[in-house]
C-alpha cells in the first residue's frame, strides 16, 4: 500500500479544513463575553465526559469485563 499517498491526502484534508475554519471564523462577528464563557464550559464538559468514557473503556478492558460470557458448570443430562 502506498502510505505516502495516504499521508499526502490526509495532510491536504487537514490543511483545507483548517483554512475553511479560519475563513469562517474571520467572516463572523465576535461573540459576547457571556457566550464565550458558556462555550468554554460546554467544551470543557464535553472533553471531561469523553475522557471519562474512554477511561471507563480501558478500565473495563483491563479488569476483564469485556470477555465473552462462559460457564464452568457441567450440564445435567
C-alpha atoms as a PDB file:
ATOM      1  CA  UNK A   1       0.000   0.000   0.000  1.00  0.00           C
ATOM      2  CA  UNK A   2       1.292   3.430  -0.830  1.00  0.00           C
ATOM      3  CA  UNK A   3       1.474   5.190   2.544  1.00  0.00           C
ATOM      4  CA  UNK A   4       2.816   8.402   1.062  1.00  0.00           C
ATOM      5  CA  UNK A   5      -0.402   8.870  -0.891  1.00  0.00           C
ATOM      6  CA  UNK A   6      -2.447   8.359   2.271  1.00  0.00           C
ATOM      7  CA  UNK A   7      -0.288  10.812   4.247  1.00  0.00           C
ATOM      8  CA  UNK A   8      -0.471  13.435   1.487  1.00  0.00           C
ATOM      9  CA  UNK A   9      -4.240  13.019   1.190  1.00  0.00           C
ATOM     10  CA  UNK A  10      -4.798  13.326   4.944  1.00  0.00           C
ATOM     11  CA  UNK A  11      -2.462  16.329   5.181  1.00  0.00           C
ATOM     12  CA  UNK A  12      -4.335  18.021   2.329  1.00  0.00           C
ATOM     13  CA  UNK A  13      -7.664  17.408   4.049  1.00  0.00           C
ATOM     14  CA  UNK A  14      -6.294  18.781   7.327  1.00  0.00           C
ATOM     15  CA  UNK A  15      -4.918  21.932   5.706  1.00  0.00           C
ATOM     16  CA  UNK A  16      -8.160  22.553   3.808  1.00  0.00           C
ATOM     17  CA  UNK A  17     -10.256  22.044   6.965  1.00  0.00           C
ATOM     18  CA  UNK A  18      -8.086  24.457   8.956  1.00  0.00           C
ATOM     19  CA  UNK A  19      -8.220  27.003   6.112  1.00  0.00           C
ATOM     20  CA  UNK A  20     -12.026  26.737   5.938  1.00  0.00           C
ATOM     21  CA  UNK A  21     -12.404  27.104   9.722  1.00  0.00           C
ATOM     22  CA  UNK A  22     -10.148  30.174   9.730  1.00  0.00           C
ATOM     23  CA  UNK A  23     -12.095  31.732   6.841  1.00  0.00           C
ATOM     24  CA  UNK A  24     -15.454  31.177   8.532  1.00  0.00           C
ATOM     25  CA  UNK A  25     -14.118  32.380  11.889  1.00  0.00           C
ATOM     26  CA  UNK A  26     -12.815  35.584  10.330  1.00  0.00           C
ATOM     27  CA  UNK A  27     -16.091  36.256   8.488  1.00  0.00           C
ATOM     28  CA  UNK A  28     -18.353  36.034  11.536  1.00  0.00           C
ATOM     29  CA  UNK A  29     -18.839  38.807  14.104  1.00  0.00           C
ATOM     30  CA  UNK A  30     -17.263  38.285  17.546  1.00  0.00           C
ATOM     31  CA  UNK A  31     -19.325  36.762  20.343  1.00  0.00           C
ATOM     32  CA  UNK A  32     -20.029  38.447  23.651  1.00  0.00           C
ATOM     33  CA  UNK A  33     -18.128  37.502  26.815  1.00  0.00           C
ATOM     34  CA  UNK A  34     -21.134  35.613  28.216  1.00  0.00           C
ATOM     35  CA  UNK A  35     -21.367  33.413  25.126  1.00  0.00           C
ATOM     36  CA  UNK A  36     -17.617  32.762  25.172  1.00  0.00           C
ATOM     37  CA  UNK A  37     -17.857  31.604  28.800  1.00  0.00           C
ATOM     38  CA  UNK A  38     -20.785  29.320  28.000  1.00  0.00           C
ATOM     39  CA  UNK A  39     -18.879  27.892  25.011  1.00  0.00           C
ATOM     40  CA  UNK A  40     -15.796  27.285  27.153  1.00  0.00           C
ATOM     41  CA  UNK A  41     -17.811  25.498  29.835  1.00  0.00           C
ATOM     42  CA  UNK A  42     -19.554  23.342  27.219  1.00  0.00           C
ATOM     43  CA  UNK A  43     -16.263  22.371  25.563  1.00  0.00           C
ATOM     44  CA  UNK A  44     -14.729  21.548  28.951  1.00  0.00           C
ATOM     45  CA  UNK A  45     -17.704  19.368  29.950  1.00  0.00           C
ATOM     46  CA  UNK A  46     -17.595  17.511  26.632  1.00  0.00           C
ATOM     47  CA  UNK A  47     -13.853  16.885  26.983  1.00  0.00           C
ATOM     48  CA  UNK A  48     -14.251  15.628  30.574  1.00  0.00           C
ATOM     49  CA  UNK A  49     -17.174  13.384  29.580  1.00  0.00           C
ATOM     50  CA  UNK A  50     -15.304  11.951  26.594  1.00  0.00           C
ATOM     51  CA  UNK A  51     -12.165  11.374  28.662  1.00  0.00           C
ATOM     52  CA  UNK A  52     -14.207   9.697  31.380  1.00  0.00           C
ATOM     53  CA  UNK A  53     -15.885   7.362  28.915  1.00  0.00           C
ATOM     54  CA  UNK A  54     -12.547   6.412  27.374  1.00  0.00           C
ATOM     55  CA  UNK A  55     -11.115   5.815  30.864  1.00  0.00           C
ATOM     56  CA  UNK A  56     -14.063   3.538  31.679  1.00  0.00           C
ATOM     57  CA  UNK A  57     -13.476   1.639  28.444  1.00  0.00           C
ATOM     58  CA  UNK A  58      -9.820   1.000  29.330  1.00  0.00           C
ATOM     59  CA  UNK A  59     -10.734   0.133  32.930  1.00  0.00           C
ATOM     60  CA  UNK A  60     -13.354  -2.433  31.906  1.00  0.00           C
ATOM     61  CA  UNK A  61     -10.998  -3.978  29.366  1.00  0.00           C
ATOM     62  CA  UNK A  62      -8.175  -4.402  31.889  1.00  0.00           C
ATOM     63  CA  UNK A  63     -10.481  -5.823  34.550  1.00  0.00           C
ATOM     64  CA  UNK A  64     -11.806  -8.452  32.115  1.00  0.00           C
ATOM     65  CA  UNK A  65     -15.378  -7.178  31.911  1.00  0.00           C
ATOM     66  CA  UNK A  66     -15.238  -7.293  28.107  1.00  0.00           C
ATOM     67  CA  UNK A  67     -14.551 -11.021  27.922  1.00  0.00           C
ATOM     68  CA  UNK A  68     -17.281 -13.236  26.452  1.00  0.00           C
ATOM     69  CA  UNK A  69     -19.609 -14.913  28.922  1.00  0.00           C
ATOM     70  CA  UNK A  70     -18.832 -18.563  29.699  1.00  0.00           C
ATOM     71  CA  UNK A  71     -19.884 -21.072  32.267  1.00  0.00           C
ATOM     72  CA  UNK A  72     -17.780 -23.692  34.051  1.00  0.00           C
ATOM     73  CA  UNK A  73     -20.842 -25.698  35.093  1.00  0.00           C
ATOM     74  CA  UNK A  74     -21.402 -29.182  33.730  1.00  0.00           C
ATOM     75  CA  UNK A  75     -24.731 -29.856  32.043  1.00  0.00           C
ATOM     76  CA  UNK A  76     -27.061 -32.324  33.777  1.00  0.00           C
ATOM     77  CA  UNK A  77     -28.302 -34.746  31.144  1.00  0.00           C
END
